[in-house]
Amino acid sequence: EARPDLRVVMAARGGVGDWLHEKAQAHLRAAFE
């Protein structure tokens, strides 16, 4: 958000936020997009 000109990448051994309820997971994916 602070630097929209940069390319931000995440690398996780497992899932990202996969412990959250499905509604929260969907919101998280939308935010990443």
All heavy atoms as atom14 arrays in JSON, in Angstrom:
{
  "sequence": "EARPDLRVVMAARGGVGDWLHEKAQAHLRAAFE",
  "atom14_mask": [
    [1, 1, 1, 1, 1, 1, 1, 1, 1, 0, 0, 0, 0, 0],
    [1, 1, 1, 1, 1, 0, 0, 0, 0, 0, 0, 0, 0, 0],
    [1, 1, 1, 1, 1, 1, 1, 1, 1, 1, 1, 0, 0, 0],
    [1, 1, 1, 1, 1, 1, 1, 0, 0, 0, 0, 0, 0, 0],
    [1, 1, 1, 1, 1, 1, 1, 1, 0, 0, 0, 0, 0, 0],
    [1, 1, 1, 1, 1, 1, 1, 1, 0, 0, 0, 0, 0, 0],
    [1, 1, 1, 1, 1, 1, 1, 1, 1, 1, 1, 0, 0, 0],
    [1, 1, 1, 1, 1, 1, 1, 0, 0, 0, 0, 0, 0, 0],
    [1, 1, 1, 1, 1, 1, 1, 0, 0, 0, 0, 0, 0, 0],
    [1, 1, 1, 1, 1, 1, 1, 1, 0, 0, 0, 0, 0, 0],
    [1, 1, 1, 1, 1, 0, 0, 0, 0, 0, 0, 0, 0, 0],
    [1, 1, 1, 1, 1, 0, 0, 0, 0, 0, 0, 0, 0, 0],
    [1, 1, 1, 1, 1, 1, 1, 1, 1, 1, 1, 0, 0, 0],
    [1, 1, 1, 1, 0, 0, 0, 0, 0, 0, 0, 0, 0, 0],
    [1, 1, 1, 1, 0, 0, 0, 0, 0, 0, 0, 0, 0, 0],
    [1, 1, 1, 1, 1, 1, 1, 0, 0, 0, 0, 0, 0, 0],
    [1, 1, 1, 1, 0, 0, 0, 0, 0, 0, 0, 0, 0, 0],
    [1, 1, 1, 1, 1, 1, 1, 1, 0, 0, 0, 0, 0, 0],
    [1, 1, 1, 1, 1, 1, 1, 1, 1, 1, 1, 1, 1, 1],
    [1, 1, 1, 1, 1, 1, 1, 1, 0, 0, 0, 0, 0, 0],
    [1, 1, 1, 1, 1, 1, 1, 1, 1, 1, 0, 0, 0, 0],
    [1, 1, 1, 1, 1, 1, 1, 1, 1, 0, 0, 0, 0, 0],
    [1, 1, 1, 1, 1, 1, 1, 1, 1, 0, 0, 0, 0, 0],
    [1, 1, 1, 1, 1, 0, 0, 0, 0, 0, 0, 0, 0, 0],
    [1, 1, 1, 1, 1, 1, 1, 1, 1, 0, 0, 0, 0, 0],
    [1, 1, 1, 1, 1, 0, 0, 0, 0, 0, 0, 0, 0, 0],
    [1, 1, 1, 1, 1, 1, 1, 1, 1, 1, 0, 0, 0, 0],
    [1, 1, 1, 1, 1, 1, 1, 1, 0, 0, 0, 0, 0, 0],
    [1, 1, 1, 1, 1, 1, 1, 1, 1, 1, 1, 0, 0, 0],
    [1, 1, 1, 1, 1, 0, 0, 0, 0, 0, 0, 0, 0, 0],
    [1, 1, 1, 1, 1, 0, 0, 0, 0, 0, 0, 0, 0, 0],
    [1, 1, 1, 1, 1, 1, 1, 1, 1, 1, 1, 0, 0, 0],
    [1, 1, 1, 1, 1, 1, 1, 1, 1, 0, 0, 0, 0, 0]
  ],
  "atom14_positions": [
    [[0.82, -1.2, 0.0], [0.0, 0.0, 0.0], [0.86, 1.26, 0.0], [0.57, 2.23, -0.7], [-0.93, 0.01, 1.22], [-1.86, 1.22, 1.27], [-2.79, 1.18, 2.47], [-2.32, 1.44, 3.6], [-3.97, 0.85, 2.29], [0.0, 0.0, 0.0], [0.0, 0.0, 0.0], [0.0, 0.0, 0.0], [0.0, 0.0, 0.0], [0.0, 0.0, 0.0]],
    [[1.94, 1.26, 0.79], [2.8, 2.43, 0.88], [3.62, 2.65, -0.39], [3.9, 3.8, -0.76], [3.74, 2.3, 2.08], [0.0, 0.0, 0.0], [0.0, 0.0, 0.0], [0.0, 0.0, 0.0], [0.0, 0.0, 0.0], [0.0, 0.0, 0.0], [0.0, 0.0, 0.0], [0.0, 0.0, 0.0], [0.0, 0.0, 0.0], [0.0, 0.0, 0.0]],
    [[4.0, 1.53, -1.04], [4.81, 1.62, -2.25], [4.17, 0.81, -3.38], [4.62, -0.28, -3.73], [6.22, 1.11, -1.97], [7.07, 1.99, -1.1], [7.48, 3.28, -1.79], [8.14, 3.05, -3.07], [9.47, 2.86, -3.21], [10.25, 2.86, -2.14], [9.99, 2.68, -4.42], [0.0, 0.0, 0.0], [0.0, 0.0, 0.0], [0.0, 0.0, 0.0]],
    [[3.1, 1.35, -3.98], [2.43, 0.61, -5.06], [3.3, 0.46, -6.31], [2.96, -0.33, -7.2], [1.19, 1.45, -5.35], [1.53, 2.82, -4.86], [2.41, 2.6, -3.66], [0.0, 0.0, 0.0], [0.0, 0.0, 0.0], [0.0, 0.0, 0.0], [0.0, 0.0, 0.0], [0.0, 0.0, 0.0], [0.0, 0.0, 0.0], [0.0, 0.0, 0.0]],
    [[4.4, 1.19, -6.35], [5.3, 1.08, -7.51], [6.23, -0.12, -7.4], [6.91, -0.47, -8.38], [6.14, 2.35, -7.63], [6.97, 2.63, -6.39], [6.47, 2.4, -5.27], [8.12, 3.08, -6.54], [0.0, 0.0, 0.0], [0.0, 0.0, 0.0], [0.0, 0.0, 0.0], [0.0, 0.0, 0.0], [0.0, 0.0, 0.0], [0.0, 0.0, 0.0]],
    [[6.27, -0.77, -6.22], [7.12, -1.94, -6.05], [6.36, -3.23, -6.33], [5.12, -3.25, -6.29], [7.66, -1.99, -4.62], [8.55, -0.82, -4.17], [8.96, -1.01, -2.72], [9.78, -0.69, -5.06], [0.0, 0.0, 0.0], [0.0, 0.0, 0.0], [0.0, 0.0, 0.0], [0.0, 0.0, 0.0], [0.0, 0.0, 0.0], [0.0, 0.0, 0.0]],
    [[7.09, -4.28, -6.57], [6.5, -5.61, -6.75], [6.68, -6.37, -5.43], [7.8, -6.63, -5.0], [7.18, -6.36, -7.89], [6.61, -7.74, -8.16], [7.18, -8.32, -9.45], [6.63, -9.64, -9.72], [7.24, -10.8, -9.41], [8.44, -10.76, -8.86], [6.66, -11.95, -9.67], [0.0, 0.0, 0.0], [0.0, 0.0, 0.0], [0.0, 0.0, 0.0]],
    [[5.56, -6.69, -4.79], [5.6, -7.39, -3.5], [5.23, -8.86, -3.72], [4.2, -9.17, -4.34], [4.65, -6.75, -2.48], [4.68, -7.52, -1.16], [5.04, -5.29, -2.25], [0.0, 0.0, 0.0], [0.0, 0.0, 0.0], [0.0, 0.0, 0.0], [0.0, 0.0, 0.0], [0.0, 0.0, 0.0], [0.0, 0.0, 0.0], [0.0, 0.0, 0.0]],
    [[6.07, -9.75, -3.19], [5.9, -11.19, -3.37], [5.96, -11.85, -2.0], [6.72, -11.43, -1.13], [7.01, -11.77, -4.28], [6.86, -13.28, -4.42], [7.0, -11.09, -5.64], [0.0, 0.0, 0.0], [0.0, 0.0, 0.0], [0.0, 0.0, 0.0], [0.0, 0.0, 0.0], [0.0, 0.0, 0.0], [0.0, 0.0, 0.0], [0.0, 0.0, 0.0]],
    [[5.14, -12.89, -1.8], [5.18, -13.68, -0.57], [5.56, -15.12, -0.89], [5.12, -15.67, -1.91], [3.83, -13.66, 0.15], [3.38, -12.29, 0.62], [1.81, -12.38, 1.55], [2.35, -13.22, 3.05], [0.0, 0.0, 0.0], [0.0, 0.0, 0.0], [0.0, 0.0, 0.0], [0.0, 0.0, 0.0], [0.0, 0.0, 0.0], [0.0, 0.0, 0.0]],
    [[6.35, -15.73, -0.01], [6.71, -17.14, -0.14], [6.5, -17.81, 1.2], [7.12, -17.43, 2.2], [8.17, -17.29, -0.59], [0.0, 0.0, 0.0], [0.0, 0.0, 0.0], [0.0, 0.0, 0.0], [0.0, 0.0, 0.0], [0.0, 0.0, 0.0], [0.0, 0.0, 0.0], [0.0, 0.0, 0.0], [0.0, 0.0, 0.0], [0.0, 0.0, 0.0]],
    [[5.6, -18.8, 1.24], [5.26, -19.47, 2.5], [5.42, -20.97, 2.35], [5.08, -21.55, 1.32], [3.83, -19.15, 2.91], [0.0, 0.0, 0.0], [0.0, 0.0, 0.0], [0.0, 0.0, 0.0], [0.0, 0.0, 0.0], [0.0, 0.0, 0.0], [0.0, 0.0, 0.0], [0.0, 0.0, 0.0], [0.0, 0.0, 0.0], [0.0, 0.0, 0.0]],
    [[5.95, -21.61, 3.4], [6.13, -23.06, 3.36], [4.8, -23.77, 3.24], [4.68, -24.77, 2.55], [6.86, -23.51, 4.64], [7.1, -25.01, 4.7], [7.99, -25.37, 5.86], [7.42, -24.91, 7.13], [8.04, -25.03, 8.3], [9.25, -25.56, 8.36], [7.45, -24.62, 9.41], [0.0, 0.0, 0.0], [0.0, 0.0, 0.0], [0.0, 0.0, 0.0]],
    [[3.77, -23.25, 3.91], [2.43, -23.82, 3.8], [1.52, -22.88, 3.06], [1.89, -22.3, 2.04], [0.0, 0.0, 0.0], [0.0, 0.0, 0.0], [0.0, 0.0, 0.0], [0.0, 0.0, 0.0], [0.0, 0.0, 0.0], [0.0, 0.0, 0.0], [0.0, 0.0, 0.0], [0.0, 0.0, 0.0], [0.0, 0.0, 0.0], [0.0, 0.0, 0.0]],
    [[0.31, -22.7, 3.6], [-0.62, -21.75, 3.01], [-0.5, -20.4, 3.69], [0.11, -20.27, 4.75], [0.0, 0.0, 0.0], [0.0, 0.0, 0.0], [0.0, 0.0, 0.0], [0.0, 0.0, 0.0], [0.0, 0.0, 0.0], [0.0, 0.0, 0.0], [0.0, 0.0, 0.0], [0.0, 0.0, 0.0], [0.0, 0.0, 0.0], [0.0, 0.0, 0.0]],
    [[-1.08, -19.39, 3.08], [-1.08, -18.05, 3.64], [-2.49, -17.75, 4.16], [-3.45, -17.69, 3.39], [-0.68, -17.0, 2.59], [-0.78, -15.59, 3.18], [0.74, -17.26, 2.1], [0.0, 0.0, 0.0], [0.0, 0.0, 0.0], [0.0, 0.0, 0.0], [0.0, 0.0, 0.0], [0.0, 0.0, 0.0], [0.0, 0.0, 0.0], [0.0, 0.0, 0.0]],
    [[-2.61, -17.62, 5.48], [-3.91, -17.36, 6.08], [-4.89, -18.52, 5.97], [-6.1, -18.32, 6.11], [0.0, 0.0, 0.0], [0.0, 0.0, 0.0], [0.0, 0.0, 0.0], [0.0, 0.0, 0.0], [0.0, 0.0, 0.0], [0.0, 0.0, 0.0], [0.0, 0.0, 0.0], [0.0, 0.0, 0.0], [0.0, 0.0, 0.0], [0.0, 0.0, 0.0]],
    [[-4.37, -19.74, 5.77], [-5.27, -20.87, 5.54], [-5.96, -21.37, 6.81], [-6.81, -22.25, 6.75], [-4.52, -22.02, 4.86], [-3.3, -22.47, 5.64], [-2.98, -21.85, 6.67], [-2.65, -23.44, 5.2], [0.0, 0.0, 0.0], [0.0, 0.0, 0.0], [0.0, 0.0, 0.0], [0.0, 0.0, 0.0], [0.0, 0.0, 0.0], [0.0, 0.0, 0.0]],
    [[-5.62, -20.82, 7.96], [-6.28, -21.17, 9.21], [-7.56, -20.36, 9.42], [-8.37, -20.67, 10.3], [-5.34, -20.96, 10.39], [-5.04, -19.51, 10.63], [-5.71, -18.66, 11.47], [-4.03, -18.72, 10.0], [-5.16, -17.39, 11.41], [-4.13, -17.41, 10.51], [-3.03, -18.99, 9.05], [-3.28, -16.38, 10.11], [-2.19, -17.97, 8.65], [-2.31, -16.68, 9.18]],
    [[-7.75, -19.31, 8.64], [-8.89, -18.41, 8.79], [-10.17, -19.05, 8.28], [-10.14, -20.01, 7.48], [-8.63, -17.11, 8.04], [-7.44, -16.26, 8.51], [-7.14, -15.18, 7.48], [-7.71, -15.65, 9.87], [0.0, 0.0, 0.0], [0.0, 0.0, 0.0], [0.0, 0.0, 0.0], [0.0, 0.0, 0.0], [0.0, 0.0, 0.0], [0.0, 0.0, 0.0]],
    [[-11.31, -18.51, 8.71], [-12.59, -18.94, 8.16], [-12.63, -18.64, 6.67], [-11.96, -17.71, 6.2], [-13.74, -18.24, 8.89], [-15.09, -18.73, 8.49], [-15.81, -18.18, 7.45], [-15.87, -19.73, 9.0], [-16.96, -18.82, 7.33], [-17.02, -19.76, 8.25], [0.0, 0.0, 0.0], [0.0, 0.0, 0.0], [0.0, 0.0, 0.0], [0.0, 0.0, 0.0]],
    [[-13.42, -19.38, 5.93], [-13.43, -19.24, 4.46], [-13.8, -17.83, 4.02], [-13.3, -17.34, 3.0], [-14.39, -20.26, 3.85], [-15.82, -20.17, 4.34], [-16.7, -21.27, 3.78], [-16.16, -22.26, 3.25], [-17.94, -21.13, 3.87], [0.0, 0.0, 0.0], [0.0, 0.0, 0.0], [0.0, 0.0, 0.0], [0.0, 0.0, 0.0], [0.0, 0.0, 0.0]],
    [[-14.66, -17.13, 4.79], [-15.0, -15.75, 4.42], [-13.77, -14.85, 4.53], [-13.54, -13.97, 3.69], [-16.12, -15.23, 5.32], [-17.47, -15.86, 5.08], [-18.56, -15.17, 5.9], [-18.38, -15.38, 7.37], [-19.51, -14.82, 8.17], [0.0, 0.0, 0.0], [0.0, 0.0, 0.0], [0.0, 0.0, 0.0], [0.0, 0.0, 0.0], [0.0, 0.0, 0.0]],
    [[-13.0, -15.06, 5.59], [-11.78, -14.27, 5.77], [-10.74, -14.62, 4.71], [-10.04, -13.73, 4.21], [-11.22, -14.49, 7.17], [0.0, 0.0, 0.0], [0.0, 0.0, 0.0], [0.0, 0.0, 0.0], [0.0, 0.0, 0.0], [0.0, 0.0, 0.0], [0.0, 0.0, 0.0], [0.0, 0.0, 0.0], [0.0, 0.0, 0.0], [0.0, 0.0, 0.0]],
    [[-10.64, -15.88, 4.37], [-9.68, -16.29, 3.34], [-10.01, -15.64, 2.0], [-9.11, -15.17, 1.28], [-9.67, -17.81, 3.19], [-9.06, -18.54, 4.38], [-8.9, -20.03, 4.1], [-8.45, -20.44, 3.03], [-9.27, -20.86, 5.08], [0.0, 0.0, 0.0], [0.0, 0.0, 0.0], [0.0, 0.0, 0.0], [0.0, 0.0, 0.0], [0.0, 0.0, 0.0]],
    [[-11.29, -15.6, 1.66], [-11.7, -14.99, 0.4], [-11.38, -13.5, 0.4], [-10.91, -12.94, -0.61], [-13.19, -15.22, 0.17], [0.0, 0.0, 0.0], [0.0, 0.0, 0.0], [0.0, 0.0, 0.0], [0.0, 0.0, 0.0], [0.0, 0.0, 0.0], [0.0, 0.0, 0.0], [0.0, 0.0, 0.0], [0.0, 0.0, 0.0], [0.0, 0.0, 0.0]],
    [[-11.6, -12.84, 1.52], [-11.3, -11.41, 1.63], [-9.8, -11.17, 1.51], [-9.36, -10.21, 0.87], [-11.81, -10.87, 2.96], [-11.7, -9.38, 3.08], [-12.64, -8.51, 2.55], [-10.75, -8.59, 3.66], [-12.27, -7.27, 2.79], [-11.13, -7.29, 3.47], [0.0, 0.0, 0.0], [0.0, 0.0, 0.0], [0.0, 0.0, 0.0], [0.0, 0.0, 0.0]],
    [[-9.02, -12.06, 2.11], [-7.56, -11.93, 2.05], [-7.06, -12.07, 0.61], [-6.22, -11.28, 0.15], [-6.91, -12.99, 2.95], [-5.38, -13.0, 2.99], [-4.85, -11.67, 3.52], [-4.89, -14.16, 3.86], [0.0, 0.0, 0.0], [0.0, 0.0, 0.0], [0.0, 0.0, 0.0], [0.0, 0.0, 0.0], [0.0, 0.0, 0.0], [0.0, 0.0, 0.0]],
    [[-7.59, -13.06, -0.11], [-7.17, -13.24, -1.51], [-7.53, -12.01, -2.35], [-6.76, -11.6, -3.22], [-7.84, -14.5, -2.09], [-7.28, -15.8, -1.53], [-7.75, -17.0, -2.35], [-9.2, -17.18, -2.26], [-9.8, -17.93, -1.34], [-9.08, -18.56, -0.42], [-11.11, -18.06, -1.33], [0.0, 0.0, 0.0], [0.0, 0.0, 0.0], [0.0, 0.0, 0.0]],
    [[-8.7, -11.44, -2.08], [-9.11, -10.24, -2.81], [-8.17, -9.07, -2.52], [-7.84, -8.27, -3.41], [-10.55, -9.88, -2.47], [0.0, 0.0, 0.0], [0.0, 0.0, 0.0], [0.0, 0.0, 0.0], [0.0, 0.0, 0.0], [0.0, 0.0, 0.0], [0.0, 0.0, 0.0], [0.0, 0.0, 0.0], [0.0, 0.0, 0.0], [0.0, 0.0, 0.0]],
    [[-7.73, -8.97, -1.26], [-6.8, -7.9, -0.89], [-5.47, -8.08, -1.59], [-4.88, -7.11, -2.1], [-6.62, -7.87, 0.62], [0.0, 0.0, 0.0], [0.0, 0.0, 0.0], [0.0, 0.0, 0.0], [0.0, 0.0, 0.0], [0.0, 0.0, 0.0], [0.0, 0.0, 0.0], [0.0, 0.0, 0.0], [0.0, 0.0, 0.0], [0.0, 0.0, 0.0]],
    [[-4.98, -9.31, -1.64], [-3.73, -9.57, -2.34], [-3.84, -9.18, -3.82], [-2.92, -8.58, -4.39], [-3.36, -11.05, -2.24], [-2.85, -11.47, -0.88], [-2.93, -12.8, -0.47], [-2.27, -10.55, -0.02], [-2.45, -13.19, 0.76], [-1.8, -10.93, 1.23], [-1.89, -12.26, 1.62], [0.0, 0.0, 0.0], [0.0, 0.0, 0.0], [0.0, 0.0, 0.0]],
    [[-4.97, -9.51, -4.41], [-5.17, -9.17, -5.82], [-5.24, -7.66, -6.01], [-4.67, -7.11, -6.97], [-6.46, -9.83, -6.33], [-6.71, -9.61, -7.82], [-7.94, -10.35, -8.3], [-8.48, -11.2, -7.55], [-8.37, -10.09, -9.45], [0.0, 0.0, 0.0], [0.0, 0.0, 0.0], [0.0, 0.0, 0.0], [0.0, 0.0, 0.0], [0.0, 0.0, 0.0]]
  ]
}
